[in-house]
Amino acid sequence: YRSAGLLLGHDGALPERSADWPYRLTPALVIESPGLNVERATVVLQGCVSGLAKEGLGGDALGLEWALLARGADSVLASHWYVDYRSAGAFCRRFYEAWLGRSQTRIAAWQEAVAGTLQDPEGGSSYDWAAFSLSGDWR
C-alpha cells in the first residue's frame, strides 16, 4: 500500500533506482491525497509492472489500479510485468488512436491495440502486449 508504486521523473530528471526516491505515485498517495481528482478518468499507467498488486488482509488486490478505481477513475490501463518501452509505446499509441482518434469504446480500442501490435514489427512479442490489462469500465 505504501511501498508499491510508480516512480516519477522530477525537475527533468529520470527517477533514481533508490528506495527513498521521494517522487513516487503510490496507492497510499492516491487514496490519501485530497486534491487528486481522477473521477471519471481513464488512467493509463505505461510504466513497467504498473498494475502489480499485493494481497490485502481481506484477500483483495491492493495496488495502483485498485486505488485509482477506488478514487473514482472509470478505467485503468496498466502493465503487469516488465515490457520493452518501444512495445509499450506502440501498444498505447494504437490504443489512443482507436479510443480518442476514432471514438471506439475502450475495450474495442484495447482489442485493436492488441491486434495491431501483433502485426507491427516494432510491436514486440506477444509477451510485451499481453502485459496490458484494462480494468474498470470498458465502454
N, C-alpha and C. Protein backbone atom coordinates (compact mmCIF):
# COMPACT_ATOMS: atom_id res chain seq x y z
N TYR A 1 0.83 -1.19 0.00
CA TYR A 1 0.00 0.00 0.00
C TYR A 1 0.87 1.26 0.00
N ARG A 2 1.97 1.22 0.74
CA ARG A 2 2.85 2.38 0.79
C ARG A 2 4.15 2.18 0.00
N SER A 3 4.59 0.95 -0.18
CA SER A 3 5.88 0.74 -0.83
C SER A 3 5.75 0.54 -2.34
N ALA A 4 4.63 0.04 -2.82
CA ALA A 4 4.45 -0.16 -4.25
C ALA A 4 4.17 1.19 -4.90
N GLY A 5 4.39 1.26 -6.18
CA GLY A 5 4.04 2.49 -6.87
C GLY A 5 4.84 2.70 -8.13
N LEU A 6 4.64 3.84 -8.71
CA LEU A 6 5.26 4.20 -9.96
C LEU A 6 6.23 5.35 -9.68
N LEU A 7 7.50 5.16 -10.05
CA LEU A 7 8.48 6.22 -9.86
C LEU A 7 8.25 7.28 -10.92
N LEU A 8 8.27 8.53 -10.51
CA LEU A 8 8.01 9.65 -11.41
C LEU A 8 9.26 10.49 -11.59
N GLY A 9 9.45 11.02 -12.79
CA GLY A 9 10.55 11.95 -13.02
C GLY A 9 10.26 13.25 -12.28
N HIS A 10 11.31 14.02 -12.01
CA HIS A 10 11.13 15.29 -11.31
C HIS A 10 12.22 16.26 -11.77
N ASP A 11 11.84 17.50 -12.03
CA ASP A 11 12.76 18.54 -12.49
C ASP A 11 13.58 18.10 -13.69
N GLY A 12 12.96 17.40 -14.61
CA GLY A 12 13.62 16.98 -15.83
C GLY A 12 14.55 15.80 -15.67
N ALA A 13 14.57 15.19 -14.48
CA ALA A 13 15.46 14.05 -14.24
C ALA A 13 14.67 12.75 -14.18
N LEU A 14 15.26 11.70 -14.69
CA LEU A 14 14.65 10.38 -14.55
C LEU A 14 14.76 9.93 -13.10
N PRO A 15 13.88 9.04 -12.67
CA PRO A 15 13.94 8.56 -11.28
C PRO A 15 15.21 7.76 -11.05
N GLU A 16 15.72 7.88 -9.85
CA GLU A 16 16.87 7.06 -9.45
C GLU A 16 16.35 5.72 -8.95
N ARG A 17 17.13 4.68 -9.15
CA ARG A 17 16.76 3.37 -8.62
C ARG A 17 17.14 3.35 -7.13
N SER A 18 16.25 3.89 -6.35
CA SER A 18 16.51 4.04 -4.93
C SER A 18 15.20 3.88 -4.16
N ALA A 19 15.28 3.25 -3.03
CA ALA A 19 14.09 3.04 -2.21
C ALA A 19 13.58 4.36 -1.63
N ASP A 20 14.43 5.39 -1.57
CA ASP A 20 13.99 6.63 -0.95
C ASP A 20 13.70 7.73 -1.97
N TRP A 21 13.49 7.37 -3.25
CA TRP A 21 13.11 8.39 -4.25
C TRP A 21 11.79 8.99 -3.82
N PRO A 22 11.73 10.28 -3.55
CA PRO A 22 10.52 10.87 -2.96
C PRO A 22 9.35 11.06 -3.93
N TYR A 23 9.61 10.96 -5.22
CA TYR A 23 8.56 11.22 -6.20
C TYR A 23 8.01 9.91 -6.72
N ARG A 24 7.07 9.37 -5.97
CA ARG A 24 6.52 8.05 -6.25
C ARG A 24 5.00 8.13 -6.14
N LEU A 25 4.33 7.63 -7.16
CA LEU A 25 2.87 7.55 -7.11
C LEU A 25 2.52 6.21 -6.48
N THR A 26 2.03 6.24 -5.27
CA THR A 26 1.70 5.02 -4.54
C THR A 26 0.20 4.92 -4.32
N PRO A 27 -0.30 3.71 -4.04
CA PRO A 27 -1.72 3.59 -3.69
C PRO A 27 -2.09 4.48 -2.50
N ALA A 28 -1.21 4.57 -1.51
CA ALA A 28 -1.49 5.42 -0.35
C ALA A 28 -1.65 6.87 -0.76
N LEU A 29 -0.78 7.36 -1.65
CA LEU A 29 -0.85 8.74 -2.10
C LEU A 29 -2.15 8.98 -2.87
N VAL A 30 -2.53 8.04 -3.70
CA VAL A 30 -3.78 8.18 -4.47
C VAL A 30 -4.97 8.27 -3.52
N ILE A 31 -5.04 7.38 -2.55
CA ILE A 31 -6.18 7.34 -1.64
C ILE A 31 -6.20 8.52 -0.68
N GLU A 32 -5.03 8.93 -0.19
CA GLU A 32 -4.95 9.92 0.88
C GLU A 32 -4.80 11.37 0.41
N SER A 33 -4.63 11.61 -0.88
CA SER A 33 -4.44 12.98 -1.38
C SER A 33 -5.79 13.63 -1.66
N PRO A 34 -6.16 14.63 -0.85
CA PRO A 34 -7.47 15.24 -1.03
C PRO A 34 -7.60 16.00 -2.35
N GLY A 35 -6.52 16.48 -2.90
CA GLY A 35 -6.58 17.27 -4.12
C GLY A 35 -6.55 16.45 -5.40
N LEU A 36 -6.33 15.16 -5.30
CA LEU A 36 -6.25 14.33 -6.50
C LEU A 36 -7.65 14.00 -7.00
N ASN A 37 -7.93 14.39 -8.22
CA ASN A 37 -9.25 14.13 -8.80
C ASN A 37 -9.08 13.31 -10.07
N VAL A 38 -9.41 12.03 -10.00
CA VAL A 38 -9.36 11.16 -11.17
C VAL A 38 -10.77 10.68 -11.53
N GLU A 39 -11.75 11.32 -10.94
CA GLU A 39 -13.14 10.90 -11.16
C GLU A 39 -13.49 10.92 -12.64
N ARG A 40 -14.04 9.80 -13.12
CA ARG A 40 -14.48 9.60 -14.50
C ARG A 40 -13.34 9.63 -15.51
N ALA A 41 -12.11 9.48 -15.05
CA ALA A 41 -10.94 9.50 -15.95
C ALA A 41 -10.57 8.08 -16.37
N THR A 42 -9.92 7.98 -17.50
CA THR A 42 -9.25 6.75 -17.89
C THR A 42 -7.77 7.01 -17.66
N VAL A 43 -7.18 6.23 -16.78
CA VAL A 43 -5.78 6.42 -16.40
C VAL A 43 -4.95 5.35 -17.09
N VAL A 44 -3.91 5.77 -17.79
CA VAL A 44 -3.00 4.84 -18.46
C VAL A 44 -1.67 4.89 -17.73
N LEU A 45 -1.28 3.75 -17.16
CA LEU A 45 -0.01 3.62 -16.46
C LEU A 45 0.93 2.85 -17.39
N GLN A 46 1.72 3.57 -18.18
CA GLN A 46 2.54 2.94 -19.20
C GLN A 46 3.82 2.35 -18.62
N GLY A 47 4.15 2.64 -17.38
CA GLY A 47 5.37 2.12 -16.78
C GLY A 47 5.30 0.62 -16.53
N CYS A 48 6.46 -0.01 -16.52
CA CYS A 48 6.53 -1.46 -16.29
C CYS A 48 5.96 -1.83 -14.93
N VAL A 49 5.26 -2.91 -14.88
CA VAL A 49 4.70 -3.50 -13.66
C VAL A 49 3.80 -2.52 -12.91
N SER A 50 3.19 -1.60 -13.65
CA SER A 50 2.35 -0.59 -13.01
C SER A 50 1.05 -1.17 -12.47
N GLY A 51 0.66 -2.34 -12.94
CA GLY A 51 -0.56 -2.98 -12.46
C GLY A 51 -0.32 -4.02 -11.37
N LEU A 52 0.91 -4.09 -10.88
CA LEU A 52 1.24 -5.06 -9.84
C LEU A 52 0.49 -4.75 -8.55
N ALA A 53 0.00 -5.76 -7.90
CA ALA A 53 -0.74 -5.56 -6.65
C ALA A 53 -0.30 -6.61 -5.63
N LYS A 54 -0.52 -6.30 -4.37
CA LYS A 54 -0.26 -7.24 -3.28
C LYS A 54 -1.59 -7.61 -2.65
N GLU A 55 -1.65 -8.80 -2.12
CA GLU A 55 -2.88 -9.25 -1.48
C GLU A 55 -3.06 -8.53 -0.15
N GLY A 56 -4.25 -7.92 0.03
CA GLY A 56 -4.57 -7.25 1.28
C GLY A 56 -5.09 -8.24 2.31
N LEU A 57 -5.38 -7.76 3.50
CA LEU A 57 -5.87 -8.62 4.57
C LEU A 57 -7.17 -9.31 4.21
N GLY A 58 -8.02 -8.65 3.42
CA GLY A 58 -9.30 -9.22 3.03
C GLY A 58 -9.23 -10.07 1.78
N GLY A 59 -8.01 -10.28 1.24
CA GLY A 59 -7.85 -11.08 0.04
C GLY A 59 -7.95 -10.28 -1.24
N ASP A 60 -8.15 -8.96 -1.12
CA ASP A 60 -8.26 -8.13 -2.31
C ASP A 60 -6.86 -7.74 -2.81
N ALA A 61 -6.79 -7.30 -4.04
CA ALA A 61 -5.52 -6.91 -4.66
C ALA A 61 -5.31 -5.42 -4.47
N LEU A 62 -4.34 -5.04 -3.65
CA LEU A 62 -4.07 -3.63 -3.37
C LEU A 62 -2.90 -3.16 -4.23
N GLY A 63 -3.18 -2.22 -5.09
CA GLY A 63 -2.16 -1.64 -5.96
C GLY A 63 -2.69 -0.35 -6.55
N LEU A 64 -1.95 0.20 -7.51
CA LEU A 64 -2.38 1.45 -8.12
C LEU A 64 -3.72 1.33 -8.84
N GLU A 65 -3.95 0.21 -9.52
CA GLU A 65 -5.25 0.03 -10.20
C GLU A 65 -6.39 0.15 -9.20
N TRP A 66 -6.29 -0.60 -8.11
CA TRP A 66 -7.32 -0.59 -7.07
C TRP A 66 -7.52 0.82 -6.52
N ALA A 67 -6.41 1.51 -6.22
CA ALA A 67 -6.51 2.84 -5.61
C ALA A 67 -7.16 3.84 -6.57
N LEU A 68 -6.77 3.79 -7.84
CA LEU A 68 -7.34 4.72 -8.82
C LEU A 68 -8.83 4.45 -9.04
N LEU A 69 -9.21 3.18 -9.11
CA LEU A 69 -10.63 2.85 -9.27
C LEU A 69 -11.41 3.23 -8.02
N ALA A 70 -10.82 3.04 -6.85
CA ALA A 70 -11.48 3.42 -5.60
C ALA A 70 -11.68 4.93 -5.51
N ARG A 71 -10.79 5.71 -6.12
CA ARG A 71 -10.91 7.17 -6.11
C ARG A 71 -11.85 7.69 -7.18
N GLY A 72 -12.41 6.81 -8.01
CA GLY A 72 -13.41 7.23 -8.96
C GLY A 72 -13.02 7.18 -10.43
N ALA A 73 -11.81 6.70 -10.73
CA ALA A 73 -11.43 6.57 -12.14
C ALA A 73 -12.38 5.58 -12.81
N ASP A 74 -12.76 5.85 -14.05
CA ASP A 74 -13.62 4.92 -14.79
C ASP A 74 -12.87 3.65 -15.13
N SER A 75 -11.64 3.80 -15.60
CA SER A 75 -10.88 2.62 -16.00
C SER A 75 -9.39 2.90 -15.87
N VAL A 76 -8.62 1.81 -15.83
CA VAL A 76 -7.17 1.89 -15.71
C VAL A 76 -6.55 0.89 -16.68
N LEU A 77 -5.63 1.37 -17.50
CA LEU A 77 -4.85 0.53 -18.40
C LEU A 77 -3.46 0.45 -17.79
N ALA A 78 -3.02 -0.76 -17.47
CA ALA A 78 -1.73 -0.93 -16.79
C ALA A 78 -1.03 -2.19 -17.27
N SER A 79 0.27 -2.25 -17.05
CA SER A 79 1.03 -3.45 -17.41
C SER A 79 1.33 -4.25 -16.15
N HIS A 80 1.47 -5.55 -16.33
CA HIS A 80 1.65 -6.43 -15.17
C HIS A 80 3.01 -7.09 -15.09
N TRP A 81 3.87 -6.81 -16.05
CA TRP A 81 5.26 -7.27 -15.96
C TRP A 81 6.12 -6.32 -16.79
N TYR A 82 7.43 -6.53 -16.76
CA TYR A 82 8.35 -5.66 -17.47
C TYR A 82 8.17 -5.81 -18.98
N VAL A 83 8.04 -4.68 -19.67
CA VAL A 83 7.87 -4.68 -21.12
C VAL A 83 8.87 -3.69 -21.73
N ASP A 84 9.21 -3.95 -22.96
CA ASP A 84 10.10 -3.06 -23.69
C ASP A 84 9.38 -1.73 -23.94
N TYR A 85 10.07 -0.63 -23.76
CA TYR A 85 9.41 0.67 -23.91
C TYR A 85 8.89 0.90 -25.32
N ARG A 86 9.55 0.34 -26.33
CA ARG A 86 9.06 0.50 -27.70
C ARG A 86 7.74 -0.23 -27.88
N SER A 87 7.65 -1.43 -27.33
CA SER A 87 6.40 -2.20 -27.41
C SER A 87 5.28 -1.50 -26.65
N ALA A 88 5.60 -1.00 -25.46
CA ALA A 88 4.59 -0.30 -24.66
C ALA A 88 4.12 0.96 -25.40
N GLY A 89 5.05 1.67 -26.02
CA GLY A 89 4.69 2.86 -26.77
C GLY A 89 3.80 2.54 -27.96
N ALA A 90 4.15 1.47 -28.69
CA ALA A 90 3.34 1.07 -29.85
C ALA A 90 1.94 0.67 -29.41
N PHE A 91 1.86 -0.08 -28.31
CA PHE A 91 0.55 -0.51 -27.81
C PHE A 91 -0.30 0.69 -27.41
N CYS A 92 0.26 1.58 -26.60
CA CYS A 92 -0.51 2.73 -26.11
C CYS A 92 -0.87 3.69 -27.24
N ARG A 93 0.01 3.86 -28.21
CA ARG A 93 -0.29 4.72 -29.35
C ARG A 93 -1.51 4.18 -30.11
N ARG A 94 -1.54 2.87 -30.33
CA ARG A 94 -2.67 2.26 -31.03
C ARG A 94 -3.95 2.38 -30.20
N PHE A 95 -3.83 2.20 -28.89
CA PHE A 95 -4.99 2.33 -28.01
C PHE A 95 -5.59 3.74 -28.12
N TYR A 96 -4.75 4.76 -27.99
CA TYR A 96 -5.22 6.15 -28.06
C TYR A 96 -5.79 6.49 -29.43
N GLU A 97 -5.14 6.00 -30.49
CA GLU A 97 -5.64 6.29 -31.83
C GLU A 97 -7.05 5.74 -32.03
N ALA A 98 -7.29 4.53 -31.54
CA ALA A 98 -8.61 3.91 -31.69
C ALA A 98 -9.63 4.54 -30.75
N TRP A 99 -9.25 4.78 -29.50
CA TRP A 99 -10.20 5.29 -28.50
C TRP A 99 -10.50 6.78 -28.71
N LEU A 100 -9.47 7.60 -28.72
CA LEU A 100 -9.69 9.04 -28.85
C LEU A 100 -9.79 9.49 -30.30
N GLY A 101 -8.98 8.89 -31.17
CA GLY A 101 -8.97 9.30 -32.56
C GLY A 101 -10.19 8.86 -33.35
N ARG A 102 -10.68 7.64 -33.06
CA ARG A 102 -11.83 7.12 -33.82
C ARG A 102 -13.04 6.83 -32.94
N SER A 103 -13.01 7.30 -31.71
CA SER A 103 -14.15 7.22 -30.78
C SER A 103 -14.66 5.80 -30.55
N GLN A 104 -13.77 4.84 -30.55
CA GLN A 104 -14.17 3.47 -30.21
C GLN A 104 -14.31 3.34 -28.70
N THR A 105 -15.01 2.31 -28.26
CA THR A 105 -15.07 2.05 -26.82
C THR A 105 -13.68 1.69 -26.34
N ARG A 106 -13.45 1.78 -25.05
CA ARG A 106 -12.13 1.45 -24.51
C ARG A 106 -11.77 0.00 -24.78
N ILE A 107 -12.73 -0.92 -24.65
CA ILE A 107 -12.41 -2.33 -24.88
C ILE A 107 -12.13 -2.59 -26.35
N ALA A 108 -12.86 -1.94 -27.26
CA ALA A 108 -12.59 -2.09 -28.69
C ALA A 108 -11.21 -1.52 -29.02
N ALA A 109 -10.86 -0.40 -28.39
CA ALA A 109 -9.54 0.19 -28.60
C ALA A 109 -8.45 -0.74 -28.07
N TRP A 110 -8.69 -1.35 -26.91
CA TRP A 110 -7.71 -2.30 -26.34
C TRP A 110 -7.54 -3.49 -27.29
N GLN A 111 -8.65 -4.02 -27.79
CA GLN A 111 -8.59 -5.16 -28.72
C GLN A 111 -7.86 -4.79 -30.00
N GLU A 112 -8.13 -3.58 -30.51
CA GLU A 112 -7.44 -3.14 -31.71
C GLU A 112 -5.95 -2.94 -31.46
N ALA A 113 -5.61 -2.44 -30.28
CA ALA A 113 -4.19 -2.27 -29.95
C ALA A 113 -3.49 -3.61 -29.89
N VAL A 114 -4.14 -4.62 -29.34
CA VAL A 114 -3.57 -5.97 -29.30
C VAL A 114 -3.36 -6.48 -30.73
N ALA A 115 -4.42 -6.42 -31.53
CA ALA A 115 -4.34 -6.94 -32.90
C ALA A 115 -3.32 -6.16 -33.72
N GLY A 116 -3.32 -4.84 -33.60
CA GLY A 116 -2.39 -4.02 -34.36
C GLY A 116 -0.95 -4.22 -33.94
N THR A 117 -0.74 -4.40 -32.66
CA THR A 117 0.61 -4.60 -32.16
C THR A 117 1.16 -5.94 -32.63
N LEU A 118 0.29 -6.93 -32.77
CA LEU A 118 0.71 -8.23 -33.31
C LEU A 118 1.27 -8.10 -34.72
N GLN A 119 0.68 -7.20 -35.52
CA GLN A 119 1.08 -7.02 -36.91
C GLN A 119 2.27 -6.08 -37.07
N ASP A 120 2.57 -5.30 -36.04
CA ASP A 120 3.61 -4.27 -36.11
C ASP A 120 4.98 -4.85 -35.80
N PRO A 121 5.95 -4.72 -36.70
CA PRO A 121 7.29 -5.23 -36.42
C PRO A 121 7.92 -4.59 -35.18
N GLU A 122 7.50 -3.35 -34.85
CA GLU A 122 8.03 -2.69 -33.65
C GLU A 122 7.19 -3.01 -32.43
N GLY A 123 6.12 -3.77 -32.61
CA GLY A 123 5.21 -4.08 -31.52
C GLY A 123 5.77 -5.06 -30.52
N GLY A 124 6.80 -5.77 -30.89
CA GLY A 124 7.40 -6.72 -29.97
C GLY A 124 6.66 -8.04 -29.96
N SER A 125 7.02 -8.87 -29.03
CA SER A 125 6.41 -10.19 -28.93
C SER A 125 5.09 -10.12 -28.18
N SER A 126 4.34 -11.22 -28.25
CA SER A 126 3.07 -11.27 -27.52
C SER A 126 3.31 -11.12 -26.02
N TYR A 127 4.47 -11.47 -25.56
CA TYR A 127 4.82 -11.31 -24.15
C TYR A 127 4.69 -9.84 -23.73
N ASP A 128 5.05 -8.92 -24.65
CA ASP A 128 5.00 -7.50 -24.32
C ASP A 128 3.58 -6.94 -24.31
N TRP A 129 2.82 -7.13 -25.39
CA TRP A 129 1.49 -6.52 -25.41
C TRP A 129 0.52 -7.23 -24.47
N ALA A 130 0.76 -8.50 -24.18
CA ALA A 130 -0.14 -9.24 -23.28
C ALA A 130 -0.04 -8.75 -21.84
N ALA A 131 0.96 -7.95 -21.54
CA ALA A 131 1.14 -7.43 -20.19
C ALA A 131 0.07 -6.41 -19.81
N PHE A 132 -0.60 -5.82 -20.80
CA PHE A 132 -1.54 -4.74 -20.56
C PHE A 132 -2.97 -5.23 -20.31
N SER A 133 -3.55 -4.76 -19.21
CA SER A 133 -4.95 -5.08 -18.92
C SER A 133 -5.74 -3.78 -18.81
N LEU A 134 -7.02 -3.89 -19.07
CA LEU A 134 -7.93 -2.77 -18.93
C LEU A 134 -8.91 -3.12 -17.82
N SER A 135 -8.84 -2.39 -16.72
CA SER A 135 -9.71 -2.65 -15.57
C SER A 135 -10.75 -1.56 -15.45
N GLY A 136 -11.89 -1.90 -14.88
CA GLY A 136 -12.94 -0.93 -14.66
C GLY A 136 -13.95 -0.92 -15.79
N ASP A 137 -14.46 0.26 -16.10
CA ASP A 137 -15.49 0.41 -17.12
C ASP A 137 -14.84 0.32 -18.49
N TRP A 138 -15.23 -0.66 -19.28
CA TRP A 138 -14.62 -0.92 -20.58
C TRP A 138 -15.35 -0.24 -21.73
N ARG A 139 -16.50 0.43 -21.44
CA ARG A 139 -17.29 1.05 -22.53
C ARG A 139 -16.63 2.28 -23.08
